[in-house]
Amino acid sequence: MSAWGRRGAVEVILREHEQLATVNRGMQEFVSTLEIGSGTQDLVILRAMLYYIREYPQQVHHPKEDRFLFVRLRERTHELDEVIDKLEGQHVQGDIQVRKLEHALTRYELGGGTTCASLKCLVDEYANFSSDHRRMEEDLILPAARRFLTKDDWDELDAAFGANRDPFDGVKLEEDLDKLFNMIVTTVPR
């Protein structure tokens, strides 16, 4: 823990990581029900999960890590340069993987059961990739941030991660995505 107490940015990062993990588990459960053919599932739920991933982690969470957390860490130490390079590359790779998932879902919608195994494989690959990525940030980056960042750095990070962005003329996207997350959690088949 830093000398300045609990960090708002760290709490936000960890909460967002847990939300993504929940959505990933939901995707895996959803696709498993498709694979065993237990009823017809409303595919809009899986589309909503992919939308959530594209709009929240890919468009809000990862850019904030790149722009604020990683930049400040690079300014304070070079111990983590290789790890940060890898994580930044994974942010790009994650976007590519989400696009592949969206395409696989479209193929499933058009082709049905014969394409389910491919969709399931891609969902599992993404969930594992995402889990490894989160673990690297939580095990390496956040502890290093607590060691190396200054109070001013933390003030900037807390403000960046604590602020909602407003790309749609007054619509609080992060609030809308929180509502979408809650809808996903309550509608995922169990």
N, C-alpha and C. Protein backbone atom coordinates (compact mmCIF):
# COMPACT_ATOMS: atom_id res chain seq x y z
N MET A 1 0.85 -1.18 0.00
CA MET A 1 0.00 0.00 0.00
C MET A 1 0.88 1.23 0.00
N SER A 2 0.52 2.21 -0.76
CA SER A 2 1.33 3.43 -0.83
C SER A 2 1.17 4.22 0.46
N ALA A 3 2.07 5.16 0.66
CA ALA A 3 2.02 6.02 1.83
C ALA A 3 0.78 6.90 1.83
N TRP A 4 0.09 7.03 0.72
CA TRP A 4 -1.07 7.91 0.61
C TRP A 4 -2.38 7.15 0.78
N GLY A 5 -2.34 5.93 1.31
CA GLY A 5 -3.56 5.18 1.57
C GLY A 5 -4.07 4.45 0.34
N ARG A 6 -5.34 4.04 0.43
CA ARG A 6 -5.95 3.30 -0.67
C ARG A 6 -6.03 4.18 -1.90
N ARG A 7 -5.73 3.61 -3.04
CA ARG A 7 -5.72 4.36 -4.28
C ARG A 7 -7.01 4.11 -5.04
N GLY A 8 -7.69 5.19 -5.40
CA GLY A 8 -8.92 5.07 -6.18
C GLY A 8 -8.69 4.42 -7.52
N ALA A 9 -7.58 4.75 -8.18
CA ALA A 9 -7.29 4.17 -9.49
C ALA A 9 -7.13 2.66 -9.39
N VAL A 10 -6.45 2.19 -8.37
CA VAL A 10 -6.25 0.74 -8.20
C VAL A 10 -7.60 0.06 -7.97
N GLU A 11 -8.43 0.65 -7.15
CA GLU A 11 -9.75 0.06 -6.91
C GLU A 11 -10.57 0.00 -8.20
N VAL A 12 -10.51 1.05 -9.01
CA VAL A 12 -11.24 1.06 -10.28
C VAL A 12 -10.68 -0.02 -11.21
N ILE A 13 -9.37 -0.10 -11.32
CA ILE A 13 -8.74 -1.10 -12.19
C ILE A 13 -9.15 -2.50 -11.76
N LEU A 14 -9.08 -2.79 -10.48
CA LEU A 14 -9.44 -4.12 -9.99
C LEU A 14 -10.92 -4.42 -10.20
N ARG A 15 -11.78 -3.41 -9.99
CA ARG A 15 -13.22 -3.62 -10.22
C ARG A 15 -13.48 -3.91 -11.70
N GLU A 16 -12.83 -3.14 -12.58
CA GLU A 16 -13.03 -3.35 -14.01
C GLU A 16 -12.46 -4.70 -14.45
N HIS A 17 -11.36 -5.12 -13.86
CA HIS A 17 -10.83 -6.45 -14.16
C HIS A 17 -11.83 -7.53 -13.75
N GLU A 18 -12.42 -7.39 -12.59
CA GLU A 18 -13.39 -8.39 -12.13
C GLU A 18 -14.63 -8.40 -13.02
N GLN A 19 -15.07 -7.22 -13.45
CA GLN A 19 -16.22 -7.17 -14.36
C GLN A 19 -15.90 -7.88 -15.67
N LEU A 20 -14.73 -7.65 -16.22
CA LEU A 20 -14.36 -8.32 -17.46
C LEU A 20 -14.28 -9.83 -17.24
N ALA A 21 -13.72 -10.25 -16.12
CA ALA A 21 -13.66 -11.69 -15.83
C ALA A 21 -15.06 -12.28 -15.74
N THR A 22 -15.99 -11.55 -15.17
CA THR A 22 -17.37 -12.02 -15.07
C THR A 22 -17.99 -12.15 -16.45
N VAL A 23 -17.77 -11.16 -17.31
CA VAL A 23 -18.31 -11.23 -18.67
C VAL A 23 -17.67 -12.40 -19.42
N ASN A 24 -16.37 -12.60 -19.25
CA ASN A 24 -15.69 -13.72 -19.92
C ASN A 24 -16.27 -15.06 -19.47
N ARG A 25 -16.49 -15.22 -18.16
CA ARG A 25 -17.10 -16.45 -17.66
C ARG A 25 -18.51 -16.61 -18.23
N GLY A 26 -19.23 -15.49 -18.30
CA GLY A 26 -20.57 -15.53 -18.87
C GLY A 26 -20.56 -15.97 -20.32
N MET A 27 -19.58 -15.47 -21.09
CA MET A 27 -19.48 -15.90 -22.50
C MET A 27 -19.20 -17.39 -22.57
N GLN A 28 -18.30 -17.87 -21.72
CA GLN A 28 -17.96 -19.29 -21.74
C GLN A 28 -19.18 -20.15 -21.38
N GLU A 29 -19.92 -19.74 -20.35
CA GLU A 29 -21.13 -20.46 -19.98
C GLU A 29 -22.16 -20.43 -21.10
N PHE A 30 -22.32 -19.27 -21.69
CA PHE A 30 -23.31 -19.10 -22.76
C PHE A 30 -22.98 -20.01 -23.94
N VAL A 31 -21.74 -19.99 -24.37
CA VAL A 31 -21.34 -20.80 -25.53
C VAL A 31 -21.41 -22.29 -25.19
N SER A 32 -21.15 -22.65 -23.95
CA SER A 32 -21.28 -24.06 -23.55
C SER A 32 -22.72 -24.53 -23.68
N THR A 33 -23.68 -23.65 -23.34
CA THR A 33 -25.08 -24.05 -23.50
C THR A 33 -25.44 -24.18 -24.97
N LEU A 34 -24.82 -23.36 -25.82
CA LEU A 34 -25.05 -23.51 -27.26
C LEU A 34 -24.50 -24.83 -27.76
N GLU A 35 -23.32 -25.17 -27.27
CA GLU A 35 -22.63 -26.38 -27.73
C GLU A 35 -23.40 -27.65 -27.38
N ILE A 36 -23.98 -27.69 -26.19
CA ILE A 36 -24.72 -28.90 -25.81
C ILE A 36 -26.15 -28.85 -26.30
N GLY A 37 -26.53 -27.74 -26.91
CA GLY A 37 -27.85 -27.63 -27.52
C GLY A 37 -28.98 -27.55 -26.51
N SER A 38 -28.71 -27.00 -25.34
CA SER A 38 -29.76 -26.91 -24.32
C SER A 38 -30.66 -25.70 -24.60
N GLY A 39 -31.60 -25.90 -25.48
CA GLY A 39 -32.55 -24.84 -25.80
C GLY A 39 -31.97 -23.84 -26.76
N THR A 40 -32.79 -22.94 -27.18
CA THR A 40 -32.33 -21.88 -28.07
C THR A 40 -32.02 -20.66 -27.22
N GLN A 41 -30.83 -20.17 -27.37
CA GLN A 41 -30.40 -19.00 -26.61
C GLN A 41 -30.55 -17.76 -27.47
N ASP A 42 -30.88 -16.67 -26.82
CA ASP A 42 -30.99 -15.40 -27.51
C ASP A 42 -29.57 -14.88 -27.74
N LEU A 43 -29.11 -14.91 -28.97
CA LEU A 43 -27.73 -14.54 -29.28
C LEU A 43 -27.44 -13.06 -29.04
N VAL A 44 -28.48 -12.27 -28.84
CA VAL A 44 -28.24 -10.85 -28.52
C VAL A 44 -27.48 -10.74 -27.20
N ILE A 45 -27.62 -11.71 -26.32
CA ILE A 45 -26.89 -11.69 -25.04
C ILE A 45 -25.39 -11.79 -25.31
N LEU A 46 -24.99 -12.72 -26.17
CA LEU A 46 -23.57 -12.86 -26.50
C LEU A 46 -23.08 -11.61 -27.24
N ARG A 47 -23.90 -11.07 -28.12
CA ARG A 47 -23.53 -9.83 -28.81
C ARG A 47 -23.34 -8.69 -27.80
N ALA A 48 -24.21 -8.64 -26.79
CA ALA A 48 -24.08 -7.60 -25.76
C ALA A 48 -22.78 -7.76 -24.99
N MET A 49 -22.38 -9.00 -24.73
CA MET A 49 -21.12 -9.24 -24.04
C MET A 49 -19.94 -8.75 -24.87
N LEU A 50 -19.96 -9.06 -26.15
CA LEU A 50 -18.88 -8.61 -27.03
C LEU A 50 -18.88 -7.09 -27.16
N TYR A 51 -20.05 -6.49 -27.22
CA TYR A 51 -20.15 -5.03 -27.26
C TYR A 51 -19.54 -4.44 -25.99
N TYR A 52 -19.88 -5.02 -24.85
CA TYR A 52 -19.35 -4.55 -23.58
C TYR A 52 -17.82 -4.58 -23.59
N ILE A 53 -17.26 -5.70 -24.05
CA ILE A 53 -15.80 -5.83 -24.09
C ILE A 53 -15.19 -4.80 -25.04
N ARG A 54 -15.78 -4.64 -26.19
CA ARG A 54 -15.24 -3.68 -27.17
C ARG A 54 -15.32 -2.25 -26.62
N GLU A 55 -16.41 -1.90 -25.98
CA GLU A 55 -16.62 -0.52 -25.55
C GLU A 55 -16.02 -0.18 -24.20
N TYR A 56 -15.91 -1.15 -23.30
CA TYR A 56 -15.38 -0.80 -21.98
C TYR A 56 -13.90 -1.11 -21.85
N PRO A 57 -13.51 -2.37 -21.80
CA PRO A 57 -12.06 -2.61 -21.68
C PRO A 57 -11.27 -2.05 -22.86
N GLN A 58 -11.75 -2.25 -24.08
CA GLN A 58 -10.97 -1.86 -25.25
C GLN A 58 -10.96 -0.34 -25.49
N GLN A 59 -12.05 0.34 -25.17
CA GLN A 59 -12.14 1.77 -25.49
C GLN A 59 -11.95 2.69 -24.28
N VAL A 60 -12.12 2.18 -23.07
CA VAL A 60 -12.01 3.01 -21.87
C VAL A 60 -10.84 2.54 -21.01
N HIS A 61 -10.90 1.31 -20.55
CA HIS A 61 -9.95 0.79 -19.56
C HIS A 61 -8.52 0.73 -20.10
N HIS A 62 -8.31 0.03 -21.20
CA HIS A 62 -6.95 -0.13 -21.72
C HIS A 62 -6.30 1.19 -22.14
N PRO A 63 -7.03 2.08 -22.83
CA PRO A 63 -6.40 3.37 -23.16
C PRO A 63 -5.97 4.16 -21.92
N LYS A 64 -6.75 4.07 -20.84
CA LYS A 64 -6.35 4.77 -19.61
C LYS A 64 -5.09 4.14 -19.03
N GLU A 65 -4.99 2.82 -19.06
CA GLU A 65 -3.77 2.17 -18.58
C GLU A 65 -2.57 2.63 -19.42
N ASP A 66 -2.73 2.59 -20.73
CA ASP A 66 -1.64 2.98 -21.63
C ASP A 66 -1.24 4.43 -21.39
N ARG A 67 -2.21 5.31 -21.36
CA ARG A 67 -1.96 6.76 -21.34
C ARG A 67 -1.50 7.27 -19.98
N PHE A 68 -1.98 6.66 -18.91
CA PHE A 68 -1.67 7.20 -17.58
C PHE A 68 -0.76 6.26 -16.78
N LEU A 69 -1.21 5.07 -16.50
CA LEU A 69 -0.46 4.16 -15.63
C LEU A 69 0.88 3.77 -16.25
N PHE A 70 0.86 3.28 -17.47
CA PHE A 70 2.10 2.80 -18.08
C PHE A 70 3.09 3.94 -18.34
N VAL A 71 2.58 5.08 -18.79
CA VAL A 71 3.45 6.23 -19.05
C VAL A 71 4.15 6.67 -17.76
N ARG A 72 3.39 6.78 -16.67
CA ARG A 72 3.98 7.21 -15.41
C ARG A 72 5.00 6.18 -14.91
N LEU A 73 4.69 4.91 -15.04
CA LEU A 73 5.66 3.89 -14.60
C LEU A 73 6.95 3.97 -15.41
N ARG A 74 6.83 4.17 -16.71
CA ARG A 74 8.04 4.29 -17.55
C ARG A 74 8.87 5.51 -17.15
N GLU A 75 8.21 6.57 -16.70
CA GLU A 75 8.94 7.75 -16.25
C GLU A 75 9.70 7.50 -14.95
N ARG A 76 9.17 6.63 -14.11
CA ARG A 76 9.75 6.41 -12.79
C ARG A 76 10.76 5.27 -12.73
N THR A 77 10.64 4.29 -13.65
CA THR A 77 11.54 3.14 -13.63
C THR A 77 11.56 2.48 -15.00
N HIS A 78 12.69 1.82 -15.28
CA HIS A 78 12.78 1.05 -16.53
C HIS A 78 12.72 -0.45 -16.24
N GLU A 79 12.50 -0.80 -14.99
CA GLU A 79 12.41 -2.21 -14.60
C GLU A 79 11.28 -2.94 -15.31
N LEU A 80 10.25 -2.22 -15.67
CA LEU A 80 9.04 -2.84 -16.21
C LEU A 80 8.84 -2.60 -17.70
N ASP A 81 9.83 -2.05 -18.37
CA ASP A 81 9.66 -1.70 -19.78
C ASP A 81 9.21 -2.90 -20.63
N GLU A 82 9.84 -4.04 -20.44
CA GLU A 82 9.47 -5.23 -21.24
C GLU A 82 8.06 -5.69 -20.92
N VAL A 83 7.69 -5.67 -19.65
CA VAL A 83 6.34 -6.07 -19.25
C VAL A 83 5.31 -5.10 -19.84
N ILE A 84 5.59 -3.81 -19.75
CA ILE A 84 4.67 -2.82 -20.29
C ILE A 84 4.56 -2.96 -21.81
N ASP A 85 5.68 -3.20 -22.48
CA ASP A 85 5.63 -3.44 -23.93
C ASP A 85 4.70 -4.60 -24.24
N LYS A 86 4.84 -5.67 -23.48
CA LYS A 86 4.00 -6.85 -23.71
C LYS A 86 2.53 -6.53 -23.45
N LEU A 87 2.24 -5.83 -22.37
CA LEU A 87 0.85 -5.49 -22.05
C LEU A 87 0.24 -4.57 -23.11
N GLU A 88 1.01 -3.58 -23.56
CA GLU A 88 0.50 -2.70 -24.62
C GLU A 88 0.22 -3.50 -25.89
N GLY A 89 1.09 -4.43 -26.21
CA GLY A 89 0.85 -5.30 -27.36
C GLY A 89 -0.40 -6.15 -27.17
N GLN A 90 -0.62 -6.60 -25.95
CA GLN A 90 -1.82 -7.38 -25.67
C GLN A 90 -3.09 -6.54 -25.78
N HIS A 91 -3.00 -5.26 -25.46
CA HIS A 91 -4.16 -4.39 -25.65
C HIS A 91 -4.57 -4.36 -27.12
N VAL A 92 -3.60 -4.29 -28.00
CA VAL A 92 -3.86 -4.32 -29.44
C VAL A 92 -4.38 -5.70 -29.84
N GLN A 93 -3.73 -6.74 -29.35
CA GLN A 93 -4.13 -8.12 -29.68
C GLN A 93 -5.55 -8.41 -29.18
N GLY A 94 -5.90 -7.86 -28.03
CA GLY A 94 -7.26 -8.06 -27.51
C GLY A 94 -8.31 -7.53 -28.46
N ASP A 95 -8.05 -6.40 -29.07
CA ASP A 95 -9.00 -5.84 -30.03
C ASP A 95 -9.15 -6.77 -31.24
N ILE A 96 -8.05 -7.33 -31.70
CA ILE A 96 -8.08 -8.28 -32.82
C ILE A 96 -8.88 -9.52 -32.44
N GLN A 97 -8.67 -10.00 -31.22
CA GLN A 97 -9.39 -11.19 -30.77
C GLN A 97 -10.89 -10.93 -30.65
N VAL A 98 -11.27 -9.76 -30.18
CA VAL A 98 -12.69 -9.43 -30.08
C VAL A 98 -13.31 -9.39 -31.47
N ARG A 99 -12.59 -8.83 -32.43
CA ARG A 99 -13.09 -8.81 -33.81
C ARG A 99 -13.29 -10.23 -34.32
N LYS A 100 -12.35 -11.12 -34.04
CA LYS A 100 -12.49 -12.53 -34.45
C LYS A 100 -13.71 -13.17 -33.79
N LEU A 101 -13.94 -12.84 -32.52
CA LEU A 101 -15.12 -13.37 -31.83
C LEU A 101 -16.41 -12.86 -32.47
N GLU A 102 -16.43 -11.59 -32.82
CA GLU A 102 -17.62 -11.04 -33.48
C GLU A 102 -17.87 -11.74 -34.81
N HIS A 103 -16.81 -12.00 -35.55
CA HIS A 103 -16.96 -12.71 -36.83
C HIS A 103 -17.42 -14.14 -36.61
N ALA A 104 -16.87 -14.80 -35.60
CA ALA A 104 -17.27 -16.18 -35.31
C ALA A 104 -18.74 -16.24 -34.89
N LEU A 105 -19.20 -15.26 -34.14
CA LEU A 105 -20.61 -15.23 -33.76
C LEU A 105 -21.49 -15.04 -35.00
N THR A 106 -21.08 -14.16 -35.90
CA THR A 106 -21.84 -13.97 -37.14
C THR A 106 -21.88 -15.26 -37.94
N ARG A 107 -20.74 -15.96 -38.03
CA ARG A 107 -20.72 -17.26 -38.73
C ARG A 107 -21.67 -18.25 -38.06
N TYR A 108 -21.72 -18.24 -36.74
CA TYR A 108 -22.64 -19.13 -36.02
C TYR A 108 -24.09 -18.75 -36.33
N GLU A 109 -24.38 -17.46 -36.34
CA GLU A 109 -25.73 -17.01 -36.64
C GLU A 109 -26.16 -17.46 -38.04
N LEU A 110 -25.21 -17.47 -38.97
CA LEU A 110 -25.51 -17.84 -40.36
C LEU A 110 -25.44 -19.34 -40.60
N GLY A 111 -24.51 -20.01 -39.90
CA GLY A 111 -24.27 -21.43 -40.19
C GLY A 111 -24.76 -22.40 -39.15
N GLY A 112 -25.11 -21.90 -37.98
CA GLY A 112 -25.64 -22.78 -36.96
C GLY A 112 -24.60 -23.67 -36.29
N GLY A 113 -25.08 -24.82 -35.83
CA GLY A 113 -24.32 -25.73 -35.00
C GLY A 113 -22.96 -26.15 -35.50
N THR A 114 -22.77 -26.22 -36.79
CA THR A 114 -21.48 -26.67 -37.31
C THR A 114 -20.35 -25.71 -36.99
N THR A 115 -20.67 -24.46 -36.68
CA THR A 115 -19.64 -23.47 -36.39
C THR A 115 -19.49 -23.21 -34.88
N CYS A 116 -20.25 -23.92 -34.06
CA CYS A 116 -20.25 -23.68 -32.62
C CYS A 116 -18.89 -24.02 -31.99
N ALA A 117 -18.27 -25.10 -32.43
CA ALA A 117 -16.98 -25.51 -31.84
C ALA A 117 -15.93 -24.42 -32.05
N SER A 118 -15.92 -23.81 -33.22
CA SER A 118 -14.97 -22.74 -33.50
C SER A 118 -15.25 -21.53 -32.61
N LEU A 119 -16.51 -21.18 -32.45
CA LEU A 119 -16.88 -20.07 -31.59
C LEU A 119 -16.46 -20.34 -30.15
N LYS A 120 -16.73 -21.55 -29.67
CA LYS A 120 -16.35 -21.91 -28.31
C LYS A 120 -14.84 -21.85 -28.12
N CYS A 121 -14.10 -22.33 -29.07
CA CYS A 121 -12.64 -22.30 -29.00
C CYS A 121 -12.14 -20.87 -28.89
N LEU A 122 -12.68 -19.97 -29.71
CA LEU A 122 -12.25 -18.57 -29.67
C LEU A 122 -12.64 -17.89 -28.36
N VAL A 123 -13.82 -18.21 -27.84
CA VAL A 123 -14.24 -17.64 -26.55
C VAL A 123 -13.29 -18.10 -25.45
N ASP A 124 -12.97 -19.39 -25.43
CA ASP A 124 -12.05 -19.92 -24.42
C ASP A 124 -10.66 -19.29 -24.56
N GLU A 125 -10.17 -19.16 -25.78
CA GLU A 125 -8.87 -18.53 -26.00
C GLU A 125 -8.86 -17.10 -25.49
N TYR A 126 -9.92 -16.36 -25.79
CA TYR A 126 -9.99 -14.97 -25.34
C TYR A 126 -10.05 -14.90 -23.81
N ALA A 127 -10.86 -15.75 -23.20
CA ALA A 127 -10.99 -15.73 -21.73
C ALA A 127 -9.65 -16.05 -21.07
N ASN A 128 -8.91 -17.02 -21.60
CA ASN A 128 -7.60 -17.35 -21.04
C ASN A 128 -6.60 -16.21 -21.27
N PHE A 129 -6.59 -15.66 -22.46
CA PHE A 129 -5.73 -14.52 -22.80
C PHE A 129 -6.00 -13.36 -21.85
N SER A 130 -7.26 -13.05 -21.68
CA SER A 130 -7.67 -11.93 -20.83
C SER A 130 -7.29 -12.18 -19.37
N SER A 131 -7.46 -13.40 -18.91
CA SER A 131 -7.10 -13.75 -17.55
C SER A 131 -5.60 -13.60 -17.32
N ASP A 132 -4.80 -14.09 -18.25
CA ASP A 132 -3.33 -13.95 -18.14
C ASP A 132 -2.93 -12.48 -18.14
N HIS A 133 -3.58 -11.69 -18.97
CA HIS A 133 -3.29 -10.26 -19.06
C HIS A 133 -3.59 -9.57 -17.72
N ARG A 134 -4.77 -9.82 -17.19
CA ARG A 134 -5.16 -9.21 -15.91
C ARG A 134 -4.20 -9.62 -14.80
N ARG A 135 -3.84 -10.89 -14.78
CA ARG A 135 -2.93 -11.39 -13.74
C ARG A 135 -1.57 -10.67 -13.82
N MET A 136 -1.06 -10.45 -15.02
CA MET A 136 0.22 -9.76 -15.18
C MET A 136 0.12 -8.33 -14.64
N GLU A 137 -0.98 -7.66 -14.94
CA GLU A 137 -1.16 -6.30 -14.43
C GLU A 137 -1.26 -6.30 -12.91
N GLU A 138 -2.04 -7.22 -12.37
CA GLU A 138 -2.26 -7.25 -10.93
C GLU A 138 -1.04 -7.73 -10.15
N ASP A 139 -0.29 -8.66 -10.71
CA ASP A 139 0.87 -9.22 -10.00
C ASP A 139 2.15 -8.41 -10.18
N LEU A 140 2.28 -7.72 -11.31
CA LEU A 140 3.52 -6.99 -11.59
C LEU A 140 3.35 -5.48 -11.62
N ILE A 141 2.38 -5.01 -12.36
CA ILE A 141 2.24 -3.57 -12.59
C ILE A 141 1.72 -2.84 -11.35
N LEU A 142 0.63 -3.31 -10.77
CA LEU A 142 0.07 -2.58 -9.63
C LEU A 142 1.01 -2.55 -8.43
N PRO A 143 1.67 -3.65 -8.08
CA PRO A 143 2.64 -3.55 -6.98
C PRO A 143 3.79 -2.59 -7.30
N ALA A 144 4.25 -2.59 -8.55
CA ALA A 144 5.32 -1.66 -8.93
C ALA A 144 4.82 -0.22 -8.87
N ALA A 145 3.59 0.00 -9.28
CA ALA A 145 3.03 1.35 -9.22
C ALA A 145 3.01 1.84 -7.78
N ARG A 146 2.65 0.98 -6.88
CA ARG A 146 2.64 1.37 -5.46
C ARG A 146 4.05 1.72 -4.97
N ARG A 147 5.04 1.06 -5.52
CA ARG A 147 6.42 1.32 -5.10
C ARG A 147 6.99 2.59 -5.74
N PHE A 148 6.72 2.82 -7.02
CA PHE A 148 7.45 3.84 -7.75
C PHE A 148 6.71 5.16 -7.98
N LEU A 149 5.40 5.14 -7.99
CA LEU A 149 4.68 6.37 -8.35
C LEU A 149 4.63 7.35 -7.20
N THR A 150 4.60 8.62 -7.56
CA THR A 150 4.55 9.70 -6.57
C THR A 150 3.11 10.06 -6.24
N LYS A 151 2.94 10.89 -5.24
CA LYS A 151 1.60 11.36 -4.87
C LYS A 151 0.96 12.09 -6.06
N ASP A 152 1.73 12.92 -6.76
CA ASP A 152 1.18 13.62 -7.93
C ASP A 152 0.76 12.64 -9.02
N ASP A 153 1.56 11.59 -9.22
CA ASP A 153 1.19 10.55 -10.20
C ASP A 153 -0.14 9.93 -9.81
N TRP A 154 -0.28 9.59 -8.52
CA TRP A 154 -1.51 8.96 -8.05
C TRP A 154 -2.69 9.90 -8.17
N ASP A 155 -2.49 11.16 -7.91
CA ASP A 155 -3.59 12.12 -8.06
C ASP A 155 -4.08 12.12 -9.50
N GLU A 156 -3.15 12.12 -10.44
CA GLU A 156 -3.51 12.08 -11.87
C GLU A 156 -4.22 10.78 -12.22
N LEU A 157 -3.69 9.65 -11.75
CA LEU A 157 -4.31 8.35 -12.03
C LEU A 157 -5.70 8.25 -11.41
N ASP A 158 -5.82 8.69 -10.17
CA ASP A 158 -7.12 8.64 -9.50
C ASP A 158 -8.15 9.46 -10.26
N ALA A 159 -7.74 10.63 -10.73
CA ALA A 159 -8.66 11.48 -11.50
C ALA A 159 -9.02 10.84 -12.83
N ALA A 160 -8.04 10.28 -13.52
CA ALA A 160 -8.29 9.66 -14.83
C ALA A 160 -9.20 8.45 -14.72
N PHE A 161 -8.92 7.57 -13.77
CA PHE A 161 -9.72 6.35 -13.64
C PHE A 161 -11.04 6.61 -12.94
N GLY A 162 -11.12 7.70 -12.20
CA GLY A 162 -12.36 8.01 -11.51
C GLY A 162 -13.36 8.79 -12.34
N ALA A 163 -12.91 9.34 -13.46
CA ALA A 163 -13.77 10.18 -14.28
C ALA A 163 -14.45 9.37 -15.38
N ASN A 164 -15.72 9.65 -15.58
CA ASN A 164 -16.42 9.07 -16.73
C ASN A 164 -16.06 9.90 -17.95
N ARG A 165 -15.97 9.24 -19.06
CA ARG A 165 -15.74 10.00 -20.29
C ARG A 165 -17.08 10.31 -20.92
N ASP A 166 -17.12 11.27 -21.79
CA ASP A 166 -18.36 11.78 -22.34
C ASP A 166 -18.25 11.93 -23.85
N PRO A 167 -18.18 10.82 -24.60
CA PRO A 167 -17.98 10.93 -26.03
C PRO A 167 -19.25 11.19 -26.83
N PHE A 168 -20.42 11.09 -26.19
CA PHE A 168 -21.67 11.18 -26.93
C PHE A 168 -22.55 12.33 -26.42
N ASP A 169 -21.98 13.53 -26.35
CA ASP A 169 -22.76 14.72 -25.97
C ASP A 169 -23.58 14.52 -24.70
N GLY A 170 -22.91 14.28 -23.61
CA GLY A 170 -23.59 14.23 -22.33
C GLY A 170 -23.96 12.84 -21.86
N VAL A 171 -23.86 11.84 -22.70
CA VAL A 171 -24.17 10.48 -22.28
C VAL A 171 -22.97 9.94 -21.52
N LYS A 172 -23.19 9.46 -20.33
CA LYS A 172 -22.11 8.89 -19.55
C LYS A 172 -21.94 7.43 -19.98
N LEU A 173 -21.01 7.19 -20.90
CA LEU A 173 -20.83 5.87 -21.46
C LEU A 173 -20.52 4.83 -20.39
N GLU A 174 -19.67 5.16 -19.46
CA GLU A 174 -19.30 4.17 -18.45
C GLU A 174 -20.51 3.80 -17.59
N GLU A 175 -21.40 4.74 -17.30
CA GLU A 175 -22.62 4.42 -16.57
C GLU A 175 -23.50 3.50 -17.39
N ASP A 176 -23.63 3.78 -18.69
CA ASP A 176 -24.42 2.92 -19.56
C ASP A 176 -23.82 1.52 -19.63
N LEU A 177 -22.50 1.44 -19.68
CA LEU A 177 -21.85 0.14 -19.74
C LEU A 177 -21.97 -0.61 -18.42
N ASP A 178 -22.03 0.11 -17.31
CA ASP A 178 -22.32 -0.55 -16.03
C ASP A 178 -23.72 -1.16 -16.06
N LYS A 179 -24.68 -0.44 -16.63
CA LYS A 179 -26.04 -0.98 -16.76
C LYS A 179 -26.03 -2.21 -17.67
N LEU A 180 -25.28 -2.14 -18.77
CA LEU A 180 -25.17 -3.27 -19.69
C LEU A 180 -24.55 -4.46 -18.96
N PHE A 181 -23.50 -4.22 -18.18
CA PHE A 181 -22.87 -5.29 -17.41
C PHE A 181 -23.89 -5.95 -16.50
N ASN A 182 -24.68 -5.16 -15.79
CA ASN A 182 -25.70 -5.74 -14.90
C ASN A 182 -26.72 -6.56 -15.67
N MET A 183 -27.12 -6.08 -16.85
CA MET A 183 -28.04 -6.85 -17.69
C MET A 183 -27.41 -8.17 -18.11
N ILE A 184 -26.15 -8.14 -18.48
CA ILE A 184 -25.46 -9.36 -18.89
C ILE A 184 -25.43 -10.36 -17.76
N VAL A 185 -25.04 -9.91 -16.58
CA VAL A 185 -24.92 -10.80 -15.43
C VAL A 185 -26.26 -11.44 -15.09
N THR A 186 -27.34 -10.68 -15.19
CA THR A 186 -28.65 -11.22 -14.81
C THR A 186 -29.28 -12.09 -15.89
N THR A 187 -28.79 -12.03 -17.13
CA THR A 187 -29.42 -12.81 -18.20
C THR A 187 -28.58 -13.98 -18.69
N VAL A 188 -27.38 -14.13 -18.18
CA VAL A 188 -26.53 -15.24 -18.63
C VAL A 188 -27.15 -16.55 -18.14
N PRO A 189 -27.29 -17.53 -19.02
CA PRO A 189 -27.82 -18.82 -18.59
C PRO A 189 -26.89 -19.50 -17.60
N ARG A 190 -27.44 -20.14 -16.63
CA ARG A 190 -26.65 -20.85 -15.61
C ARG A 190 -27.07 -22.28 -15.52
